[in-house]
Amino acid sequence: MDWIPLLLIVAKAVGFFLVMITVVAYSVLAERKIAAFIQDRVGPNRVSLPLIGSIPVLGPFLTRVGIWQPLVDGVKTFLKEDFTPSYVRKAYFWLAPAMTAVPSVLVFAVIPFGSMLGDQHMVIANLNVGILFTFGIVSLGVYGVVMAGYASNSKFPLLGSIRSSAQMISYELAMGMSVIPLVMIVSHASLSGAAGSGWEGYLSGTDDMNLTRFVAWQAQNGWLVFWAPLSFIIFLVSAFAETNRTPFDLPECETELVSGYHTEYSSMRFALFMIAENANIVAAASMMVTLFFGGWSGLNIYGWNLTAFLNHPAETVWMGVGHIALFMAKVVALVCLFIWVRWMLPRFRYDQLMDLGWRRFMPLALANIVITAFVLYFRH
């Protein structure tokens, strides 16, 4: 048996997992610093490591920006008492955090985070049904939330879990329908200019749900955010609702439900819910980068290619690293957008949330599909 391909897959999975967890940890720091900036505060600026903190200029600078805060928060969370109330349903109570966290990590398996490093594609599992896989896995996370609310045997967590399940159903449909025009465009729009670009294998097949195919098409024809802006708006707002972020954080609504479905949790079980929420934000940002902003490729507007050298698979290791860095930069920008919106907009009422999902976004998503179909029919 040849173990090398398996070892390469494991290496990619472990490497990307470590990078993703680091991004998730520092997204918490980014949230605290951005919130402090908006509220005219300083934010985390005291944690310092003895050896590095004593380095002139660099040590004090890293301390002021709070660079070590996620490390200290992680250690503190591990040392907290893991308390289980006597009245909870213990088996479900213990299982719920893992049920929430695992799907948020599995989503990254099919997202292409770069082009090539050597002869290796920078995607862990290049599935033909990548989009369907992501939607299927993301929808599993709500089972952990519902399980947490049920197992807590308390009214506030139960109400939060019910809200979360209703919210997921309402916006999952609109989010899924917003992607259909993208599939139609990538499947039917002109692929001229693809010859000799290194993309022939992706552009000539019928794998219309393959996420790498979307990156390839955008590298040649322009970012899909310019082809289908309404799809992006629906997907973006639905992503806020799917990740339970303000102004759609009704499942955790502190002013009504204390802390929602994770009210009874502490220590690492509570941390798993927080990791899952931030991992879902990074996953949603990664999906939007892949579907709407060209993935790891450079800026391309309707074929007006401003960074042509970035829009084909890497021929050197350094170009491959550059593609990964560009993908991460786009993801970080969108994560900052999620954080900024949280601290700038008030929370919706629950009837407003449901009204937006069913009476606004569903008709808009259907109309978007119909209009896209007509445009493609008359163009081709």
Protein backbone atom coordinates (compact mmCIF):
# COMPACT_ATOMS: atom_id res chain seq x y z
CA MET A 1 0.00 0.00 0.00
CA ASP A 2 1.30 3.45 -0.95
CA TRP A 3 1.12 5.59 2.21
CA ILE A 4 2.47 8.80 0.69
CA PRO A 5 -0.88 10.14 -0.71
CA LEU A 6 -2.58 9.43 2.62
CA LEU A 7 0.20 11.12 4.57
CA LEU A 8 -0.01 14.18 2.31
CA ILE A 9 -3.77 14.43 2.92
CA VAL A 10 -3.21 14.13 6.67
CA ALA A 11 -0.46 16.78 6.52
CA LYS A 12 -2.76 19.19 4.66
CA ALA A 13 -5.60 18.51 7.10
CA VAL A 14 -3.44 19.00 10.21
CA GLY A 15 -1.72 22.10 8.79
CA PHE A 16 -4.95 23.77 7.76
CA PHE A 17 -6.61 22.83 11.08
CA LEU A 18 -3.80 24.51 13.03
CA VAL A 19 -4.04 27.63 10.88
CA MET A 20 -7.83 27.68 11.17
CA ILE A 21 -7.78 27.32 14.97
CA THR A 22 -5.22 30.15 15.15
CA VAL A 23 -7.44 32.37 13.00
CA VAL A 24 -10.44 31.48 15.18
CA ALA A 25 -8.50 32.35 18.35
CA TYR A 26 -7.30 35.67 16.99
CA SER A 27 -10.74 36.51 15.64
CA VAL A 28 -11.75 36.82 19.30
CA LEU A 29 -8.87 39.24 19.87
CA ALA A 30 -9.85 41.15 16.72
CA GLU A 31 -13.41 41.39 18.01
CA ARG A 32 -12.26 42.80 21.33
CA LYS A 33 -9.90 45.32 19.71
CA ILE A 34 -12.43 46.45 17.08
CA ALA A 35 -15.11 46.79 19.77
CA ALA A 36 -12.69 48.85 21.86
CA PHE A 37 -11.90 51.08 18.87
CA ILE A 38 -15.59 51.68 18.14
CA GLN A 39 -16.27 52.44 21.81
CA ASP A 40 -13.16 54.64 22.16
CA ARG A 41 -11.35 52.21 24.47
CA VAL A 42 -7.94 50.53 24.32
CA GLY A 43 -8.86 46.86 24.59
CA PRO A 44 -6.52 44.03 25.71
CA ASN A 45 -3.05 45.52 26.34
CA ARG A 46 -1.55 43.97 29.48
CA VAL A 47 -0.60 40.33 28.80
CA SER A 48 3.14 39.87 28.27
CA LEU A 49 5.42 36.82 28.12
CA PRO A 50 8.61 37.18 30.24
CA LEU A 51 11.23 36.48 27.55
CA ILE A 52 9.53 38.10 24.56
CA GLY A 53 8.13 40.99 26.59
CA SER A 54 11.64 42.09 27.55
CA ILE A 55 12.72 42.58 23.91
CA PRO A 56 13.13 46.32 23.26
CA VAL A 57 10.44 47.93 21.06
CA LEU A 58 9.02 44.59 19.84
CA GLY A 59 8.03 43.27 23.28
CA PRO A 60 6.08 46.36 24.42
CA PHE A 61 4.47 46.67 20.96
CA LEU A 62 3.20 43.06 21.03
CA THR A 63 1.90 43.63 24.55
CA ARG A 64 0.00 46.79 23.57
CA VAL A 65 -1.76 45.08 20.66
CA GLY A 66 -2.73 42.16 22.93
CA ILE A 67 -1.04 39.55 20.78
CA TRP A 68 -0.78 37.03 23.66
CA GLN A 69 -4.35 37.45 24.91
CA PRO A 70 -5.81 34.39 23.07
CA LEU A 71 -3.08 32.16 24.54
CA VAL A 72 -3.82 33.32 28.08
CA ASP A 73 -7.59 33.03 27.56
CA GLY A 74 -7.15 29.45 26.32
CA VAL A 75 -5.08 28.45 29.35
CA LYS A 76 -7.56 30.13 31.69
CA THR A 77 -10.46 28.25 30.08
CA PHE A 78 -8.70 24.92 30.57
CA LEU A 79 -8.15 25.69 34.27
CA LYS A 80 -11.77 26.65 34.96
CA GLU A 81 -13.94 24.24 36.95
CA ASP A 82 -15.96 21.96 34.69
CA PHE A 83 -19.28 22.10 36.54
CA THR A 84 -22.26 19.96 35.56
CA PRO A 85 -25.57 20.92 37.23
CA SER A 86 -27.42 18.08 38.94
CA TYR A 87 -30.68 18.65 37.09
CA VAL A 88 -29.39 18.35 33.50
CA ARG A 89 -29.69 15.30 31.22
CA LYS A 90 -26.02 14.42 31.53
CA ALA A 91 -25.34 12.28 28.43
CA TYR A 92 -26.87 14.83 26.05
CA PHE A 93 -25.38 17.70 28.06
CA TRP A 94 -21.85 16.35 27.57
CA LEU A 95 -22.35 15.45 23.92
CA ALA A 96 -23.91 18.75 22.74
CA PRO A 97 -20.72 20.90 22.62
CA ALA A 98 -18.94 18.35 20.43
CA MET A 99 -22.01 18.05 18.19
CA THR A 100 -21.81 21.80 17.66
CA ALA A 101 -18.04 22.13 17.22
CA VAL A 102 -17.28 19.20 14.90
CA PRO A 103 -19.46 20.30 11.92
CA SER A 104 -17.98 23.81 12.08
CA VAL A 105 -14.52 22.30 11.47
CA LEU A 106 -15.56 19.70 8.86
CA VAL A 107 -16.73 22.42 6.48
CA PHE A 108 -13.13 23.42 5.77
CA ALA A 109 -12.37 20.01 4.23
CA VAL A 110 -13.73 21.02 0.80
CA ILE A 111 -12.72 24.70 0.65
CA PRO A 112 -9.75 25.35 -1.69
CA PHE A 113 -7.46 27.62 0.33
CA GLY A 114 -4.75 27.84 -2.34
CA SER A 115 -3.78 26.63 -5.80
CA MET A 116 -0.74 24.36 -5.75
CA LEU A 117 2.26 23.68 -3.56
CA GLY A 118 4.51 21.52 -5.68
CA ASP A 119 2.20 18.92 -7.21
CA GLN A 120 -0.36 19.12 -4.38
CA HIS A 121 -3.71 20.87 -4.71
CA MET A 122 -4.37 23.08 -1.69
CA VAL A 123 -7.70 21.52 -0.81
CA ILE A 124 -8.12 18.61 1.57
CA ALA A 125 -10.99 16.88 -0.29
CA ASN A 126 -11.72 18.17 -3.79
CA LEU A 127 -15.29 16.83 -3.94
CA ASN A 128 -17.52 17.13 -7.00
CA VAL A 129 -20.39 18.07 -4.66
CA GLY A 130 -18.45 20.58 -2.57
CA ILE A 131 -21.29 23.10 -2.25
CA LEU A 132 -23.83 20.46 -1.23
CA PHE A 133 -21.33 19.07 1.28
CA THR A 134 -20.89 22.45 2.96
CA PHE A 135 -24.62 23.09 3.25
CA GLY A 136 -25.21 19.57 4.56
CA ILE A 137 -22.48 19.79 7.19
CA VAL A 138 -23.34 23.32 8.33
CA SER A 139 -26.96 22.30 8.93
CA LEU A 140 -25.78 19.58 11.36
CA GLY A 141 -24.51 22.15 13.85
CA VAL A 142 -28.03 23.07 14.91
CA TYR A 143 -28.52 19.55 16.31
CA GLY A 144 -25.88 20.29 18.92
CA VAL A 145 -27.61 23.55 19.80
CA VAL A 146 -31.01 21.86 20.13
CA MET A 147 -29.43 19.08 22.19
CA ALA A 148 -27.82 21.65 24.51
CA GLY A 149 -31.13 23.41 25.05
CA TYR A 150 -32.99 20.17 25.72
CA ALA A 151 -30.28 18.69 27.96
CA SER A 152 -29.96 21.81 30.11
CA ASN A 153 -33.48 21.18 31.46
CA SER A 154 -33.97 24.92 31.87
CA LYS A 155 -36.36 27.33 30.20
CA PHE A 156 -33.88 29.88 28.85
CA PRO A 157 -31.60 27.35 27.07
CA LEU A 158 -34.65 25.58 25.67
CA LEU A 159 -36.07 28.80 24.25
CA GLY A 160 -32.67 29.65 22.75
CA SER A 161 -32.37 26.25 21.06
CA ILE A 162 -35.88 26.49 19.62
CA ARG A 163 -35.10 29.94 18.25
CA SER A 164 -31.87 28.65 16.72
CA SER A 165 -33.56 25.74 14.92
CA ALA A 166 -36.32 27.97 13.53
CA GLN A 167 -33.76 30.57 12.47
CA MET A 168 -31.59 27.95 10.73
CA ILE A 169 -34.53 26.56 8.75
CA SER A 170 -35.66 30.05 7.74
CA TYR A 171 -32.31 31.26 6.40
CA GLU A 172 -30.80 27.98 5.19
CA LEU A 173 -33.35 27.94 2.36
CA ALA A 174 -32.57 31.50 1.25
CA MET A 175 -28.84 30.87 1.48
CA GLY A 176 -29.07 27.71 -0.62
CA MET A 177 -31.23 29.40 -3.24
CA SER A 178 -28.79 32.31 -3.47
CA VAL A 179 -26.10 29.92 -4.73
CA ILE A 180 -28.25 28.51 -7.57
CA PRO A 181 -27.66 31.54 -9.87
CA LEU A 182 -23.91 31.11 -9.35
CA VAL A 183 -24.10 27.47 -10.46
CA MET A 184 -26.16 28.53 -13.49
CA ILE A 185 -23.65 31.23 -14.46
CA VAL A 186 -20.60 29.01 -14.05
CA SER A 187 -22.29 26.19 -15.99
CA HIS A 188 -23.54 28.24 -18.93
CA ALA A 189 -21.53 31.45 -19.27
CA SER A 190 -18.71 31.70 -21.76
CA LEU A 191 -15.44 30.03 -20.85
CA SER A 192 -13.41 31.77 -23.53
CA GLY A 193 -9.84 32.49 -22.59
CA ALA A 194 -9.48 29.35 -20.48
CA ALA A 195 -7.27 27.56 -22.98
CA GLY A 196 -3.66 27.37 -21.94
CA SER A 197 -4.35 28.77 -18.49
CA GLY A 198 -3.85 25.55 -16.59
CA TRP A 199 -7.55 25.42 -15.73
CA GLU A 200 -8.74 23.11 -18.51
CA GLY A 201 -9.31 20.17 -16.18
CA TYR A 202 -11.67 22.18 -14.00
CA LEU A 203 -13.44 24.21 -16.68
CA SER A 204 -14.16 21.46 -19.19
CA GLY A 205 -15.92 19.00 -16.87
CA THR A 206 -19.42 18.81 -15.48
CA ASP A 207 -18.52 19.15 -11.80
CA ASP A 208 -20.66 22.23 -11.33
CA MET A 209 -20.71 21.87 -7.53
CA ASN A 210 -16.92 21.66 -7.24
CA LEU A 211 -15.65 24.71 -5.37
CA THR A 212 -12.33 24.75 -7.23
CA ARG A 213 -14.32 25.09 -10.46
CA PHE A 214 -15.83 28.31 -9.11
CA VAL A 215 -12.37 29.72 -8.40
CA ALA A 216 -11.20 28.70 -11.88
CA TRP A 217 -14.18 30.34 -13.57
CA GLN A 218 -13.76 33.59 -11.63
CA ALA A 219 -10.05 33.71 -12.41
CA GLN A 220 -10.99 33.78 -16.11
CA ASN A 221 -14.28 35.69 -16.21
CA GLY A 222 -14.44 37.94 -13.15
CA TRP A 223 -15.54 37.67 -9.55
CA LEU A 224 -19.10 36.43 -9.17
CA VAL A 225 -19.96 39.25 -6.76
CA PHE A 226 -20.07 41.49 -9.87
CA TRP A 227 -22.13 38.95 -11.87
CA ALA A 228 -24.66 38.21 -9.11
CA PRO A 229 -24.64 41.00 -6.49
CA LEU A 230 -28.11 40.12 -5.18
CA SER A 231 -26.94 36.55 -4.50
CA PHE A 232 -24.07 37.95 -2.45
CA ILE A 233 -26.35 40.20 -0.38
CA ILE A 234 -28.73 37.32 0.38
CA PHE A 235 -25.83 34.98 1.19
CA LEU A 236 -24.14 37.56 3.43
CA VAL A 237 -27.23 38.37 5.50
CA SER A 238 -28.15 34.68 5.71
CA ALA A 239 -24.62 33.95 6.93
CA PHE A 240 -25.16 36.39 9.80
CA ALA A 241 -28.34 34.53 10.71
CA GLU A 242 -26.76 31.08 10.33
CA THR A 243 -23.87 31.99 12.64
CA ASN A 244 -26.17 33.61 15.24
CA ARG A 245 -24.40 36.92 14.97
CA THR A 246 -25.83 40.34 15.69
CA PRO A 247 -28.30 41.56 14.53
CA PHE A 248 -29.55 37.93 14.39
CA ASP A 249 -28.26 36.67 17.75
CA LEU A 250 -31.73 35.82 19.07
CA PRO A 251 -30.70 32.29 20.25
CA GLU A 252 -28.21 33.84 22.70
CA CYS A 253 -30.02 37.14 23.34
CA GLU A 254 -28.53 38.14 26.71
CA THR A 255 -31.22 40.69 27.55
CA GLU A 256 -33.97 38.06 27.22
CA LEU A 257 -32.42 34.59 27.62
CA VAL A 258 -29.38 35.19 29.89
CA SER A 259 -27.04 33.43 27.43
CA GLY A 260 -29.39 31.16 25.54
CA TYR A 261 -28.53 27.54 24.87
CA HIS A 262 -25.13 27.63 26.62
CA THR A 263 -26.33 29.28 29.85
CA GLU A 264 -25.61 26.17 31.96
CA TYR A 265 -22.16 25.45 30.48
CA SER A 266 -18.73 26.29 31.86
CA SER A 267 -15.04 25.59 31.26
CA MET A 268 -14.08 23.85 28.00
CA ARG A 269 -17.66 22.87 27.15
CA PHE A 270 -18.58 26.54 27.06
CA ALA A 271 -15.38 27.22 25.11
CA LEU A 272 -16.39 24.63 22.49
CA PHE A 273 -19.55 26.61 21.78
CA MET A 274 -17.49 29.78 21.40
CA ILE A 275 -14.98 27.99 19.15
CA ALA A 276 -17.85 26.65 17.05
CA GLU A 277 -19.39 30.11 16.65
CA ASN A 278 -16.13 31.72 15.57
CA ALA A 279 -15.22 28.76 13.36
CA ASN A 280 -18.61 29.12 11.66
CA ILE A 281 -17.83 32.79 11.02
CA VAL A 282 -14.47 31.89 9.46
CA ALA A 283 -16.16 29.12 7.44
CA ALA A 284 -18.87 31.48 6.18
CA ALA A 285 -16.20 34.04 5.23
CA SER A 286 -14.21 31.31 3.43
CA MET A 287 -17.29 30.24 1.49
CA MET A 288 -18.03 33.83 0.45
CA VAL A 289 -14.42 34.33 -0.64
CA THR A 290 -14.57 31.13 -2.70
CA LEU A 291 -17.98 31.73 -4.26
CA PHE A 292 -17.96 35.50 -4.77
CA PHE A 293 -14.43 36.92 -4.50
CA GLY A 294 -12.35 34.57 -6.62
CA GLY A 295 -10.98 32.41 -3.82
CA TRP A 296 -7.19 32.66 -3.79
CA SER A 297 -7.01 34.34 -7.23
CA GLY A 298 -6.39 38.03 -7.82
CA LEU A 299 -8.80 40.83 -8.69
CA ASN A 300 -10.80 40.20 -11.85
CA ILE A 301 -13.79 42.33 -12.93
CA TYR A 302 -15.68 40.96 -15.95
CA GLY A 303 -12.41 39.71 -17.39
CA TRP A 304 -10.58 43.00 -16.70
CA ASN A 305 -7.74 41.21 -15.00
CA LEU A 306 -5.71 43.48 -12.74
CA THR A 307 -3.51 40.70 -11.32
CA ALA A 308 -3.19 38.19 -14.16
CA PHE A 309 -0.10 36.54 -12.69
CA LEU A 310 -2.18 35.39 -9.69
CA ASN A 311 -5.00 33.92 -11.76
CA HIS A 312 -3.51 30.58 -12.67
CA PRO A 313 -2.18 27.63 -10.63
CA ALA A 314 1.14 28.29 -8.93
CA GLU A 315 4.26 27.33 -10.83
CA THR A 316 6.58 27.92 -7.87
CA VAL A 317 6.32 27.28 -4.16
CA TRP A 318 6.46 31.00 -3.39
CA MET A 319 3.54 31.73 -5.70
CA GLY A 320 1.60 28.93 -4.00
CA VAL A 321 2.30 30.49 -0.61
CA GLY A 322 1.22 33.86 -2.04
CA HIS A 323 -2.11 32.36 -3.14
CA ILE A 324 -2.72 31.00 0.36
CA ALA A 325 -1.83 34.39 1.88
CA LEU A 326 -4.21 36.18 -0.52
CA PHE A 327 -7.03 33.80 0.37
CA MET A 328 -6.42 34.35 4.09
CA ALA A 329 -6.33 38.14 3.62
CA LYS A 330 -9.77 38.06 1.98
CA VAL A 331 -11.12 35.84 4.76
CA VAL A 332 -9.75 38.18 7.47
CA ALA A 333 -11.38 41.17 5.74
CA LEU A 334 -14.79 39.48 5.77
CA VAL A 335 -14.36 38.34 9.39
CA CYS A 336 -13.69 41.98 10.31
CA LEU A 337 -16.94 42.88 8.52
CA PHE A 338 -18.82 40.37 10.71
CA ILE A 339 -17.27 41.94 13.81
CA TRP A 340 -17.95 45.52 12.69
CA VAL A 341 -21.63 44.78 12.04
CA ARG A 342 -22.01 43.29 15.52
CA TRP A 343 -20.99 46.53 17.18
CA MET A 344 -22.84 48.86 14.83
CA LEU A 345 -26.37 47.42 14.48
CA PRO A 346 -29.06 46.69 17.08
CA ARG A 347 -30.68 43.28 17.48
CA PHE A 348 -33.84 42.52 15.51
CA ARG A 349 -37.06 41.50 17.17
CA TYR A 350 -37.90 37.87 16.55
CA ASP A 351 -40.91 38.66 14.35
CA GLN A 352 -38.68 40.96 12.25
CA LEU A 353 -36.12 38.20 11.85
CA MET A 354 -38.69 35.67 10.63
CA ASP A 355 -40.39 38.23 8.41
CA LEU A 356 -37.10 39.09 6.71
CA GLY A 357 -36.32 35.43 6.07
CA TRP A 358 -39.67 34.25 4.74
CA ARG A 359 -41.36 37.33 3.28
CA ARG A 360 -38.33 39.18 1.89
CA PHE A 361 -35.42 36.89 1.15
CA MET A 362 -37.35 33.87 -0.14
CA PRO A 363 -39.19 35.86 -2.87
CA LEU A 364 -35.97 37.76 -3.68
CA ALA A 365 -34.00 34.51 -4.02
CA LEU A 366 -36.67 33.00 -6.29
CA ALA A 367 -36.81 36.14 -8.43
CA ASN A 368 -33.01 36.13 -8.64
CA ILE A 369 -33.04 32.57 -10.02
CA VAL A 370 -35.71 33.38 -12.61
CA ILE A 371 -34.03 36.59 -13.79
CA THR A 372 -30.64 34.85 -14.04
CA ALA A 373 -32.20 32.04 -16.07
CA PHE A 374 -33.77 34.51 -18.52
CA VAL A 375 -30.55 36.50 -18.90
CA LEU A 376 -28.50 33.37 -19.56
CA TYR A 377 -31.09 32.04 -22.02
CA PHE A 378 -31.08 35.21 -24.12
CA ARG A 379 -27.29 35.55 -23.96
CA HIS A 380 -26.62 32.00 -25.08
